[in-house]
Amino acid sequence: MQEGCDKYRQFERDGFALLQAAVSPAQIEELRDAVGAFRRENSTSGASNMRNLLSGCPYVKSFAVSGIAFEIASEILDVPALPVRAILFDKTPAANWYVTWHQDLSIPVKERHDIAGYGPWSTKEGVLHVQPPASSVSQSPAHRRVLHIEYAGVQLPAGLAWAEA
């Protein structure tokens, strides 16, 4: 229990927390197999990253809405979490890229509604994205594979709706 409290404090302080063994080895294997099959079926360029796993890979969607990540996100957000984006990063020595610390500010939405403070707009692999005002949403080894799942705990204003990406 103390580890959970410490991780929550770390999250509050740093904006992230690393949880050891939160996902079982069997679930990791199932995620790896499902994402691997999705990559083989959908990657034409052999890219080291893939977007739109929530809408394209049923196992990732199932994990995101019912797994331990969902439970943790819901607890931290203090509302039932809404998974809105899942991206795979597969960094190997042959396919690696340097990324300085940054915060992804754009969010995936279903359709465009011009709302004061929201913008600029962009499209990433067929999914519409917009940058919301900062106040609205604020509430490595040699081979590193990251399945990045984002959750939201807020509704968007005036007709905007989260898109699954």
N, C-alpha and C. Protein backbone atom coordinates (compact mmCIF):
# COMPACT_ATOMS: atom_id res chain seq x y z
N MET A 1 0.83 -1.20 0.00
CA MET A 1 0.00 0.00 0.00
C MET A 1 0.87 1.26 0.00
N GLN A 2 1.99 1.19 0.73
CA GLN A 2 2.88 2.35 0.79
C GLN A 2 3.41 2.69 -0.60
N GLU A 3 3.72 1.64 -1.42
CA GLU A 3 4.22 1.90 -2.77
C GLU A 3 3.19 2.68 -3.57
N GLY A 4 1.90 2.32 -3.44
CA GLY A 4 0.85 3.03 -4.16
C GLY A 4 0.79 4.50 -3.76
N CYS A 5 0.91 4.79 -2.48
CA CYS A 5 0.89 6.18 -2.00
C CYS A 5 2.10 6.94 -2.53
N ASP A 6 3.28 6.28 -2.48
CA ASP A 6 4.49 6.92 -2.98
C ASP A 6 4.37 7.21 -4.47
N LYS A 7 3.81 6.26 -5.24
CA LYS A 7 3.66 6.46 -6.69
C LYS A 7 2.67 7.58 -6.98
N TYR A 8 1.61 7.67 -6.18
CA TYR A 8 0.64 8.75 -6.39
C TYR A 8 1.31 10.10 -6.12
N ARG A 9 2.11 10.18 -5.07
CA ARG A 9 2.83 11.43 -4.78
C ARG A 9 3.81 11.75 -5.90
N GLN A 10 4.49 10.71 -6.42
CA GLN A 10 5.41 10.93 -7.54
C GLN A 10 4.65 11.46 -8.75
N PHE A 11 3.49 10.88 -9.02
CA PHE A 11 2.68 11.34 -10.15
C PHE A 11 2.28 12.81 -9.96
N GLU A 12 1.82 13.16 -8.78
CA GLU A 12 1.42 14.54 -8.49
C GLU A 12 2.59 15.51 -8.66
N ARG A 13 3.77 15.08 -8.25
CA ARG A 13 4.96 15.93 -8.31
C ARG A 13 5.53 16.03 -9.72
N ASP A 14 5.66 14.86 -10.41
CA ASP A 14 6.40 14.81 -11.67
C ASP A 14 5.52 14.70 -12.91
N GLY A 15 4.24 14.36 -12.73
CA GLY A 15 3.37 14.19 -13.88
C GLY A 15 3.41 12.79 -14.46
N PHE A 16 4.18 11.89 -13.87
CA PHE A 16 4.24 10.49 -14.29
C PHE A 16 4.72 9.66 -13.11
N ALA A 17 4.49 8.38 -13.20
CA ALA A 17 5.02 7.44 -12.20
C ALA A 17 5.29 6.13 -12.90
N LEU A 18 6.38 5.48 -12.54
CA LEU A 18 6.73 4.18 -13.09
C LEU A 18 6.28 3.11 -12.11
N LEU A 19 5.46 2.19 -12.57
CA LEU A 19 4.95 1.11 -11.73
C LEU A 19 5.61 -0.18 -12.15
N GLN A 20 6.26 -0.85 -11.23
CA GLN A 20 6.92 -2.11 -11.53
C GLN A 20 5.90 -3.26 -11.46
N ALA A 21 5.90 -4.12 -12.45
CA ALA A 21 5.08 -5.34 -12.47
C ALA A 21 3.59 -5.06 -12.33
N ALA A 22 3.12 -3.94 -12.87
CA ALA A 22 1.68 -3.63 -12.81
C ALA A 22 0.89 -4.50 -13.78
N VAL A 23 1.53 -4.92 -14.86
CA VAL A 23 0.88 -5.75 -15.87
C VAL A 23 1.52 -7.13 -15.81
N SER A 24 0.70 -8.16 -15.81
CA SER A 24 1.22 -9.53 -15.69
C SER A 24 2.03 -9.92 -16.93
N PRO A 25 2.97 -10.84 -16.78
CA PRO A 25 3.72 -11.32 -17.95
C PRO A 25 2.79 -11.88 -19.03
N ALA A 26 1.70 -12.55 -18.64
CA ALA A 26 0.77 -13.09 -19.64
C ALA A 26 0.10 -11.97 -20.43
N GLN A 27 -0.29 -10.89 -19.75
CA GLN A 27 -0.91 -9.77 -20.46
C GLN A 27 0.10 -9.09 -21.38
N ILE A 28 1.34 -8.97 -20.94
CA ILE A 28 2.38 -8.37 -21.78
C ILE A 28 2.56 -9.21 -23.04
N GLU A 29 2.58 -10.51 -22.89
CA GLU A 29 2.71 -11.42 -24.04
C GLU A 29 1.53 -11.25 -25.00
N GLU A 30 0.31 -11.17 -24.45
CA GLU A 30 -0.88 -11.01 -25.29
C GLU A 30 -0.86 -9.66 -26.00
N LEU A 31 -0.46 -8.60 -25.29
CA LEU A 31 -0.34 -7.28 -25.93
C LEU A 31 0.70 -7.32 -27.04
N ARG A 32 1.86 -7.92 -26.77
CA ARG A 32 2.92 -8.01 -27.77
C ARG A 32 2.45 -8.76 -29.01
N ASP A 33 1.75 -9.88 -28.81
CA ASP A 33 1.26 -10.66 -29.95
C ASP A 33 0.22 -9.88 -30.75
N ALA A 34 -0.72 -9.25 -30.04
CA ALA A 34 -1.79 -8.51 -30.73
C ALA A 34 -1.24 -7.32 -31.50
N VAL A 35 -0.34 -6.57 -30.87
CA VAL A 35 0.24 -5.40 -31.54
C VAL A 35 1.15 -5.85 -32.68
N GLY A 36 1.87 -6.94 -32.47
CA GLY A 36 2.72 -7.47 -33.55
C GLY A 36 1.91 -7.86 -34.78
N ALA A 37 0.78 -8.52 -34.56
CA ALA A 37 -0.10 -8.89 -35.67
C ALA A 37 -0.65 -7.65 -36.35
N PHE A 38 -1.05 -6.66 -35.56
CA PHE A 38 -1.57 -5.41 -36.12
C PHE A 38 -0.50 -4.72 -36.97
N ARG A 39 0.73 -4.70 -36.48
CA ARG A 39 1.83 -4.08 -37.24
C ARG A 39 2.06 -4.80 -38.55
N ARG A 40 2.09 -6.13 -38.51
CA ARG A 40 2.33 -6.89 -39.75
C ARG A 40 1.23 -6.63 -40.77
N GLU A 41 -0.01 -6.50 -40.32
CA GLU A 41 -1.15 -6.29 -41.21
C GLU A 41 -1.26 -4.85 -41.72
N ASN A 42 -0.72 -3.88 -40.96
CA ASN A 42 -1.00 -2.48 -41.27
C ASN A 42 0.20 -1.60 -41.55
N SER A 43 1.40 -2.07 -41.31
CA SER A 43 2.58 -1.24 -41.53
C SER A 43 3.15 -1.54 -42.90
N THR A 44 3.15 -0.55 -43.75
CA THR A 44 3.72 -0.73 -45.09
C THR A 44 5.17 -0.28 -45.15
N SER A 45 5.58 0.53 -44.18
CA SER A 45 6.93 1.08 -44.25
C SER A 45 7.87 0.51 -43.22
N GLY A 46 7.39 -0.43 -42.40
CA GLY A 46 8.23 -0.97 -41.34
C GLY A 46 8.54 0.07 -40.27
N ALA A 47 7.64 1.01 -40.07
CA ALA A 47 7.86 2.10 -39.13
C ALA A 47 8.08 1.57 -37.72
N SER A 48 8.86 2.32 -36.96
CA SER A 48 9.15 1.95 -35.58
C SER A 48 8.09 2.46 -34.62
N ASN A 49 7.12 3.16 -35.13
CA ASN A 49 6.01 3.59 -34.30
C ASN A 49 4.71 3.41 -35.06
N MET A 50 3.63 3.25 -34.31
CA MET A 50 2.31 3.11 -34.92
C MET A 50 1.31 3.88 -34.09
N ARG A 51 0.46 4.62 -34.75
CA ARG A 51 -0.61 5.37 -34.10
C ARG A 51 -1.93 4.60 -34.24
N ASN A 52 -2.95 5.12 -33.61
CA ASN A 52 -4.33 4.66 -33.77
C ASN A 52 -4.55 3.22 -33.32
N LEU A 53 -3.85 2.79 -32.28
CA LEU A 53 -4.01 1.42 -31.80
C LEU A 53 -5.34 1.22 -31.07
N LEU A 54 -5.92 2.26 -30.49
CA LEU A 54 -7.22 2.09 -29.83
C LEU A 54 -8.30 1.74 -30.84
N SER A 55 -8.29 2.44 -31.96
CA SER A 55 -9.32 2.19 -32.97
C SER A 55 -8.97 1.03 -33.88
N GLY A 56 -7.70 0.63 -33.93
CA GLY A 56 -7.31 -0.39 -34.89
C GLY A 56 -6.99 -1.76 -34.32
N CYS A 57 -6.68 -1.84 -33.04
CA CYS A 57 -6.24 -3.11 -32.45
C CYS A 57 -7.17 -3.46 -31.29
N PRO A 58 -8.11 -4.38 -31.51
CA PRO A 58 -9.11 -4.69 -30.48
C PRO A 58 -8.53 -5.10 -29.13
N TYR A 59 -7.42 -5.81 -29.09
CA TYR A 59 -6.87 -6.21 -27.81
C TYR A 59 -6.37 -5.00 -27.02
N VAL A 60 -5.74 -4.05 -27.70
CA VAL A 60 -5.28 -2.84 -27.03
C VAL A 60 -6.48 -2.09 -26.47
N LYS A 61 -7.54 -1.98 -27.26
CA LYS A 61 -8.75 -1.30 -26.78
C LYS A 61 -9.31 -2.01 -25.55
N SER A 62 -9.40 -3.33 -25.59
CA SER A 62 -9.91 -4.09 -24.47
C SER A 62 -9.05 -3.88 -23.22
N PHE A 63 -7.74 -3.93 -23.39
CA PHE A 63 -6.83 -3.69 -22.27
C PHE A 63 -7.00 -2.27 -21.72
N ALA A 64 -7.14 -1.31 -22.62
CA ALA A 64 -7.23 0.09 -22.20
C ALA A 64 -8.50 0.41 -21.44
N VAL A 65 -9.59 -0.31 -21.72
CA VAL A 65 -10.86 0.00 -21.06
C VAL A 65 -11.16 -0.90 -19.87
N SER A 66 -10.32 -1.91 -19.63
CA SER A 66 -10.65 -2.81 -18.53
C SER A 66 -9.44 -3.31 -17.75
N GLY A 67 -8.25 -2.98 -18.17
CA GLY A 67 -7.06 -3.51 -17.52
C GLY A 67 -6.58 -2.64 -16.37
N ILE A 68 -5.43 -2.99 -15.85
CA ILE A 68 -4.85 -2.29 -14.71
C ILE A 68 -4.56 -0.84 -15.06
N ALA A 69 -4.17 -0.54 -16.30
CA ALA A 69 -3.92 0.85 -16.68
C ALA A 69 -5.19 1.68 -16.54
N PHE A 70 -6.33 1.10 -16.93
CA PHE A 70 -7.62 1.79 -16.78
C PHE A 70 -7.91 2.06 -15.30
N GLU A 71 -7.69 1.05 -14.47
CA GLU A 71 -7.96 1.20 -13.04
C GLU A 71 -7.07 2.29 -12.42
N ILE A 72 -5.81 2.28 -12.77
CA ILE A 72 -4.88 3.28 -12.23
C ILE A 72 -5.26 4.68 -12.73
N ALA A 73 -5.53 4.81 -14.03
CA ALA A 73 -5.91 6.11 -14.58
C ALA A 73 -7.19 6.62 -13.94
N SER A 74 -8.17 5.75 -13.76
CA SER A 74 -9.43 6.16 -13.14
C SER A 74 -9.22 6.63 -11.71
N GLU A 75 -8.34 5.94 -10.99
CA GLU A 75 -8.06 6.33 -9.61
C GLU A 75 -7.38 7.70 -9.56
N ILE A 76 -6.41 7.91 -10.42
CA ILE A 76 -5.69 9.18 -10.44
C ILE A 76 -6.59 10.32 -10.89
N LEU A 77 -7.41 10.08 -11.94
CA LEU A 77 -8.28 11.12 -12.47
C LEU A 77 -9.51 11.34 -11.60
N ASP A 78 -9.82 10.39 -10.73
CA ASP A 78 -10.97 10.44 -9.82
C ASP A 78 -12.31 10.43 -10.57
N VAL A 79 -12.30 9.90 -11.78
CA VAL A 79 -13.51 9.66 -12.58
C VAL A 79 -13.21 8.44 -13.45
N PRO A 80 -14.23 7.78 -14.01
CA PRO A 80 -13.92 6.70 -14.96
C PRO A 80 -13.10 7.25 -16.13
N ALA A 81 -11.91 6.73 -16.31
CA ALA A 81 -11.00 7.23 -17.34
C ALA A 81 -11.51 6.88 -18.73
N LEU A 82 -11.24 7.74 -19.67
CA LEU A 82 -11.60 7.53 -21.06
C LEU A 82 -10.32 7.40 -21.87
N PRO A 83 -9.97 6.20 -22.35
CA PRO A 83 -8.77 6.08 -23.17
C PRO A 83 -9.00 6.80 -24.50
N VAL A 84 -8.07 7.67 -24.87
CA VAL A 84 -8.25 8.47 -26.08
C VAL A 84 -7.14 8.28 -27.10
N ARG A 85 -6.02 7.64 -26.72
CA ARG A 85 -4.95 7.47 -27.69
C ARG A 85 -4.05 6.33 -27.24
N ALA A 86 -3.62 5.51 -28.18
CA ALA A 86 -2.61 4.47 -27.90
C ALA A 86 -1.63 4.47 -29.07
N ILE A 87 -0.36 4.61 -28.75
CA ILE A 87 0.72 4.69 -29.74
C ILE A 87 1.80 3.69 -29.34
N LEU A 88 2.38 3.01 -30.31
CA LEU A 88 3.50 2.12 -30.07
C LEU A 88 4.79 2.81 -30.49
N PHE A 89 5.80 2.78 -29.63
CA PHE A 89 7.15 3.20 -29.95
C PHE A 89 8.03 1.97 -29.79
N ASP A 90 8.71 1.56 -30.84
CA ASP A 90 9.58 0.39 -30.80
C ASP A 90 11.00 0.86 -31.12
N LYS A 91 11.75 1.20 -30.08
CA LYS A 91 13.08 1.77 -30.26
C LYS A 91 14.14 0.68 -30.11
N THR A 92 14.83 0.44 -31.19
CA THR A 92 15.94 -0.50 -31.20
C THR A 92 17.21 0.28 -31.54
N PRO A 93 18.39 -0.32 -31.39
CA PRO A 93 19.60 0.39 -31.80
C PRO A 93 19.56 0.81 -33.27
N ALA A 94 18.89 0.03 -34.11
CA ALA A 94 18.81 0.35 -35.54
C ALA A 94 17.70 1.36 -35.85
N ALA A 95 16.71 1.45 -34.98
CA ALA A 95 15.58 2.35 -35.21
C ALA A 95 15.34 3.13 -33.93
N ASN A 96 16.17 4.12 -33.71
CA ASN A 96 16.05 4.93 -32.52
C ASN A 96 16.05 6.39 -32.94
N TRP A 97 15.51 7.23 -32.13
CA TRP A 97 15.49 8.65 -32.43
C TRP A 97 15.56 9.39 -31.12
N TYR A 98 16.23 10.51 -31.17
CA TYR A 98 16.38 11.33 -29.98
C TYR A 98 15.19 12.26 -29.87
N VAL A 99 14.60 12.28 -28.72
CA VAL A 99 13.49 13.19 -28.47
C VAL A 99 13.79 13.90 -27.16
N THR A 100 13.91 15.21 -27.22
CA THR A 100 14.10 15.95 -25.98
C THR A 100 12.81 15.90 -25.18
N TRP A 101 12.89 16.22 -23.90
CA TRP A 101 11.70 16.22 -23.07
C TRP A 101 10.68 17.15 -23.71
N HIS A 102 9.47 16.67 -23.81
CA HIS A 102 8.41 17.49 -24.37
C HIS A 102 7.07 17.00 -23.84
N GLN A 103 6.08 17.81 -24.02
CA GLN A 103 4.73 17.44 -23.64
C GLN A 103 3.88 17.50 -24.90
N ASP A 104 3.22 16.40 -25.21
CA ASP A 104 2.33 16.41 -26.37
C ASP A 104 1.10 17.23 -25.99
N LEU A 105 0.86 18.28 -26.75
CA LEU A 105 -0.21 19.20 -26.40
C LEU A 105 -1.48 18.97 -27.21
N SER A 106 -1.36 18.34 -28.38
CA SER A 106 -2.53 18.12 -29.23
C SER A 106 -3.32 16.91 -28.74
N ILE A 107 -4.64 17.00 -28.88
CA ILE A 107 -5.53 15.90 -28.48
C ILE A 107 -6.33 15.45 -29.70
N PRO A 108 -6.67 14.14 -29.76
CA PRO A 108 -7.47 13.65 -30.89
C PRO A 108 -8.95 13.96 -30.66
N VAL A 109 -9.61 14.47 -31.71
CA VAL A 109 -11.05 14.76 -31.64
C VAL A 109 -11.73 14.20 -32.89
N LYS A 110 -13.04 13.97 -32.79
CA LYS A 110 -13.78 13.37 -33.90
C LYS A 110 -14.03 14.33 -35.05
N GLU A 111 -14.37 15.58 -34.72
CA GLU A 111 -14.64 16.56 -35.78
C GLU A 111 -14.28 17.96 -35.30
N ARG A 112 -14.14 18.85 -36.26
CA ARG A 112 -13.72 20.22 -35.96
C ARG A 112 -14.91 21.08 -35.53
N HIS A 113 -14.71 21.79 -34.44
CA HIS A 113 -15.63 22.83 -33.98
C HIS A 113 -14.75 23.99 -33.56
N ASP A 114 -14.92 25.14 -34.20
CA ASP A 114 -14.08 26.28 -33.87
C ASP A 114 -14.52 26.86 -32.52
N ILE A 115 -13.64 26.75 -31.55
CA ILE A 115 -13.90 27.19 -30.18
C ILE A 115 -12.73 28.07 -29.77
N ALA A 116 -13.04 29.21 -29.17
CA ALA A 116 -12.00 30.14 -28.74
C ALA A 116 -10.97 29.43 -27.89
N GLY A 117 -9.70 29.64 -28.23
CA GLY A 117 -8.60 29.06 -27.46
C GLY A 117 -8.14 27.71 -27.96
N TYR A 118 -8.93 27.03 -28.80
CA TYR A 118 -8.55 25.72 -29.33
C TYR A 118 -7.89 25.91 -30.69
N GLY A 119 -6.67 25.43 -30.83
CA GLY A 119 -5.94 25.53 -32.08
C GLY A 119 -4.46 25.58 -31.78
N PRO A 120 -3.62 25.32 -32.75
CA PRO A 120 -3.94 25.01 -34.13
C PRO A 120 -4.47 23.58 -34.30
N TRP A 121 -5.02 23.35 -35.49
CA TRP A 121 -5.58 22.06 -35.87
C TRP A 121 -4.59 21.32 -36.76
N SER A 122 -4.59 19.99 -36.69
CA SER A 122 -3.75 19.18 -37.56
C SER A 122 -4.39 17.81 -37.73
N THR A 123 -3.89 17.06 -38.70
CA THR A 123 -4.34 15.69 -38.91
C THR A 123 -3.11 14.79 -38.85
N LYS A 124 -3.20 13.75 -38.02
CA LYS A 124 -2.11 12.78 -37.88
C LYS A 124 -2.64 11.42 -38.24
N GLU A 125 -2.15 10.87 -39.34
CA GLU A 125 -2.58 9.56 -39.84
C GLU A 125 -4.09 9.42 -39.85
N GLY A 126 -4.74 10.45 -40.39
CA GLY A 126 -6.18 10.41 -40.59
C GLY A 126 -7.03 10.81 -39.40
N VAL A 127 -6.42 11.15 -38.28
CA VAL A 127 -7.18 11.54 -37.09
C VAL A 127 -6.97 13.04 -36.84
N LEU A 128 -8.07 13.74 -36.68
CA LEU A 128 -8.03 15.18 -36.43
C LEU A 128 -7.53 15.45 -35.01
N HIS A 129 -6.63 16.43 -34.88
CA HIS A 129 -6.07 16.81 -33.58
C HIS A 129 -6.18 18.32 -33.41
N VAL A 130 -6.31 18.75 -32.16
CA VAL A 130 -6.35 20.17 -31.84
C VAL A 130 -5.59 20.38 -30.54
N GLN A 131 -5.01 21.55 -30.41
CA GLN A 131 -4.34 21.90 -29.15
C GLN A 131 -5.31 22.71 -28.31
N PRO A 132 -5.72 22.17 -27.15
CA PRO A 132 -6.64 22.91 -26.28
C PRO A 132 -5.89 23.96 -25.47
N PRO A 133 -6.62 24.91 -24.88
CA PRO A 133 -5.95 25.84 -23.98
C PRO A 133 -5.35 25.06 -22.82
N ALA A 134 -4.23 25.50 -22.32
CA ALA A 134 -3.50 24.76 -21.29
C ALA A 134 -4.37 24.47 -20.07
N SER A 135 -5.24 25.35 -19.71
CA SER A 135 -6.02 25.17 -18.48
C SER A 135 -7.13 24.14 -18.62
N SER A 136 -7.52 23.76 -19.83
CA SER A 136 -8.70 22.92 -20.00
C SER A 136 -8.47 21.44 -19.77
N VAL A 137 -7.29 20.92 -20.03
CA VAL A 137 -7.06 19.49 -19.95
C VAL A 137 -5.98 19.16 -18.90
N SER A 138 -5.49 20.20 -18.22
CA SER A 138 -4.35 19.95 -17.37
C SER A 138 -4.67 19.18 -16.12
N GLN A 139 -6.30 19.40 -15.81
CA GLN A 139 -6.58 18.66 -14.59
C GLN A 139 -6.06 17.21 -14.99
N SER A 140 16.95 4.78 -21.15
CA SER A 140 16.61 3.70 -22.07
C SER A 140 17.64 2.62 -22.30
N PRO A 141 17.04 1.38 -22.25
CA PRO A 141 17.86 0.23 -22.63
C PRO A 141 18.13 0.18 -24.14
N ALA A 142 18.87 -0.81 -24.58
CA ALA A 142 19.20 -0.92 -26.01
C ALA A 142 17.93 -1.09 -26.85
N HIS A 143 16.95 -1.82 -26.34
CA HIS A 143 15.70 -2.01 -27.06
C HIS A 143 14.57 -1.70 -26.09
N ARG A 144 13.81 -0.72 -26.45
CA ARG A 144 12.74 -0.28 -25.56
C ARG A 144 11.45 -0.24 -26.36
N ARG A 145 10.44 -0.94 -25.91
CA ARG A 145 9.14 -0.94 -26.58
C ARG A 145 8.14 -0.33 -25.61
N VAL A 146 7.50 0.75 -26.03
CA VAL A 146 6.57 1.48 -25.17
C VAL A 146 5.20 1.48 -25.82
N LEU A 147 4.21 1.02 -25.09
CA LEU A 147 2.83 1.17 -25.52
C LEU A 147 2.27 2.30 -24.70
N HIS A 148 2.06 3.41 -25.33
CA HIS A 148 1.65 4.64 -24.67
C HIS A 148 0.13 4.76 -24.78
N ILE A 149 -0.56 4.69 -23.66
CA ILE A 149 -2.02 4.84 -23.65
C ILE A 149 -2.35 6.11 -22.89
N GLU A 150 -3.08 7.00 -23.50
CA GLU A 150 -3.50 8.23 -22.84
C GLU A 150 -4.94 8.11 -22.42
N TYR A 151 -5.22 8.65 -21.24
CA TYR A 151 -6.58 8.69 -20.71
C TYR A 151 -6.98 10.13 -20.45
N ALA A 152 -8.26 10.39 -20.54
CA ALA A 152 -8.79 11.72 -20.23
C ALA A 152 -9.83 11.59 -19.13
N GLY A 153 -9.91 12.61 -18.30
CA GLY A 153 -10.90 12.63 -17.24
C GLY A 153 -11.83 13.80 -17.34
N VAL A 154 -11.81 14.48 -18.48
CA VAL A 154 -12.67 15.65 -18.67
C VAL A 154 -13.44 15.51 -19.98
N GLN A 155 -14.61 16.10 -20.01
CA GLN A 155 -15.37 16.20 -21.25
C GLN A 155 -14.89 17.44 -21.98
N LEU A 156 -14.96 17.41 -23.30
CA LEU A 156 -14.57 18.57 -24.11
C LEU A 156 -15.79 19.47 -24.31
N PRO A 157 -15.56 20.76 -24.54
CA PRO A 157 -16.68 21.71 -24.63
C PRO A 157 -17.33 21.78 -26.00
N ALA A 158 -18.54 22.29 -26.01
CA ALA A 158 -19.23 22.80 -27.20
C ALA A 158 -19.15 21.93 -28.44
N GLY A 159 -19.48 20.66 -28.33
CA GLY A 159 -19.55 19.79 -29.50
C GLY A 159 -18.28 19.02 -29.79
N LEU A 160 -17.16 19.37 -29.18
CA LEU A 160 -15.95 18.59 -29.39
C LEU A 160 -16.11 17.26 -28.67
N ALA A 161 -15.64 16.18 -29.29
CA ALA A 161 -15.68 14.87 -28.66
C ALA A 161 -14.35 14.18 -28.89
N TRP A 162 -13.90 13.46 -27.89
CA TRP A 162 -12.65 12.72 -28.03
C TRP A 162 -12.77 11.69 -29.14
N ALA A 163 -11.73 11.55 -29.93
CA ALA A 163 -11.65 10.49 -30.93
C ALA A 163 -10.74 9.41 -30.38
N GLU A 164 -10.99 8.18 -30.73
CA GLU A 164 -10.09 7.10 -30.36
C GLU A 164 -9.00 7.02 -31.40
N ALA A 165 -7.78 7.14 -30.97
CA ALA A 165 -6.65 7.13 -31.90
C ALA A 165 -5.64 6.09 -31.49
